[in-house]
Protein backbone atom coordinates (compact mmCIF):
# COMPACT_ATOMS: atom_id res chain seq x y z
CA MET A 1 104.00 87.50 94.83
CA THR A 2 100.35 86.58 94.30
CA ASP A 3 97.86 88.68 92.35
CA CYS A 4 94.68 89.12 94.35
CA LYS A 5 91.11 90.30 93.69
CA VAL A 6 88.76 91.27 96.50
CA CYS A 7 85.10 92.24 96.15
CA VAL A 8 83.67 94.34 98.99
CA ASP A 9 79.92 94.82 99.35
CA ALA A 10 79.77 97.75 101.75
CA GLY A 11 76.31 96.93 103.08
CA VAL A 12 73.39 99.29 103.41
CA CYS A 13 74.74 101.72 100.78
CA LYS A 14 74.67 98.79 98.31
CA MET A 15 77.90 99.99 96.72
CA ARG A 16 80.43 97.42 95.61
CA THR A 17 84.14 97.77 95.12
CA LEU A 18 86.49 95.47 93.22
CA ILE A 19 90.07 95.71 94.45
CA THR A 20 92.82 94.17 92.31
CA ALA A 21 96.25 93.99 93.92
CA LYS A 22 99.27 93.17 91.74
CA ASP A 23 103.02 93.06 92.21
CA ASN A 24 104.63 95.66 89.93
CA GLY A 25 107.84 93.64 89.59
CA MET A 26 109.81 95.90 91.93
CA GLY A 27 108.48 94.55 95.24
CA LEU A 28 105.67 97.07 95.42
CA ILE A 29 101.95 96.36 95.16
CA GLU A 30 99.64 98.36 92.92
CA LEU A 31 95.94 98.56 93.77
CA ASP A 32 93.44 98.97 90.95
CA ILE A 33 90.02 100.05 92.20
CA LYS A 34 86.64 99.81 90.48
CA SER A 35 83.78 101.07 92.63
CA ASP A 36 80.20 102.29 92.61
CA CYS A 37 81.20 104.76 95.34
CA PRO A 38 82.47 108.19 94.29
CA ASN A 39 84.30 108.57 97.60
CA ILE A 40 86.23 105.32 97.11
CA LEU A 41 87.08 106.39 93.56
CA LYS A 42 88.31 109.77 94.83
CA MET A 43 90.52 107.95 97.31
CA SER A 44 91.83 105.54 94.66
CA TRP A 45 93.11 108.35 92.43
CA LYS A 46 95.79 109.08 95.03
CA LEU A 47 96.93 105.49 95.58
CA GLU A 48 100.53 104.86 94.56
CA PRO A 49 102.42 101.55 94.54
CA MET A 50 103.22 100.60 98.12
CA SER A 51 105.33 98.21 100.12
CA PRO A 52 103.15 95.43 101.51
CA TYR A 53 105.42 95.12 104.56
CA SER A 54 105.29 98.75 105.63
CA GLU A 55 101.56 99.08 104.99
CA VAL A 56 100.46 95.88 106.73
CA GLU A 57 102.70 96.54 109.74
CA ALA A 58 101.81 100.24 110.04
CA GLU A 59 99.80 101.63 112.90
CA PHE A 60 96.28 102.55 111.71
CA HIS A 61 96.95 106.28 111.80
CA LYS A 62 100.19 105.83 109.84
CA SER A 63 98.78 103.53 107.15
CA GLU A 64 98.72 105.19 103.73
CA ILE A 65 95.42 103.47 102.91
CA TYR A 66 93.73 104.67 106.09
CA ARG A 67 95.22 108.16 105.71
CA LEU A 68 93.71 108.44 102.22
CA ALA A 69 90.43 106.97 103.49
CA ASN A 70 90.34 109.58 106.23
CA ASP A 71 90.59 112.32 103.60
CA ALA A 72 88.03 110.87 101.16
CA ILE A 73 85.48 108.65 102.90
CA PRO A 74 82.91 110.33 105.15
CA HIS A 75 81.70 107.07 106.76
CA THR A 76 84.12 105.54 109.28
CA ALA A 77 82.37 102.15 109.23
CA CYS A 78 83.15 101.66 105.52
CA PRO A 79 84.79 98.21 105.11
CA VAL A 80 86.53 99.02 101.81
CA PRO A 81 89.84 100.30 103.28
CA SER A 82 90.15 97.09 105.26
CA GLY A 83 89.54 95.14 102.05
CA MET A 84 92.34 97.11 100.40
CA VAL A 85 94.76 96.22 103.19
CA LYS A 86 93.74 92.54 103.01
CA ALA A 87 94.29 92.48 99.22
CA LEU A 88 97.68 94.16 99.65
CA GLU A 89 98.60 91.63 102.36
CA VAL A 90 97.77 88.63 100.14
CA ALA A 91 99.38 90.10 97.02
CA GLY A 92 102.53 90.70 99.05
CA ASP A 93 102.57 87.06 100.23
CA LEU A 94 102.04 88.17 103.83
CA GLY A 95 98.66 86.48 104.24
CA LEU A 96 96.44 83.78 102.81
CA LYS A 97 93.27 84.16 100.77
CA ARG A 98 90.45 83.65 103.23
CA ASP A 99 87.11 85.46 103.32
CA CYS A 100 86.38 87.95 106.08
CA VAL A 101 82.80 88.38 107.24
CA ILE A 102 80.85 90.90 109.29
CA ARG A 103 77.49 89.44 110.33
CA PHE A 104 74.73 90.80 112.50
CA VAL A 105 73.59 88.25 115.10
CA ASP A 106 70.84 88.06 117.68
CA ASP A 107 72.85 86.52 120.51
CA ASP A 108 76.30 85.31 121.55
CA GLU A 109 75.54 81.75 120.51
CA ASP A 110 74.99 82.82 116.89
CA CYS A 111 78.59 84.01 116.78
CA MET A 112 80.58 82.05 119.34
CA GLY A 113 78.89 78.65 118.95
CA GLY A 114 79.08 77.78 122.64
CA ARG A 115 82.65 78.96 123.26
């Protein structure tokens, strides 16, 4: 499995989170979280090693990451839980390292490029 580091800049709150996902040698992925956000830190204290397969394939409301986020993060638009899932996916060899981006645009052309 592949170790993975993801940095999430959450936007207007200006809080950053570094997510390190590592295989623990038993087929489970451990997430280590460093964050400026006290809510993300509160959530991270409850994270246990998890199966990348079951977490990535889970329905949103059954995902352990999103369940913990629901209990700890008061802002639904926070991108950090998604970053955690992406790091888990890559560390579990279920996805490739490729940046994800949320951009604000003025019109369709800025995003779709004439599609």
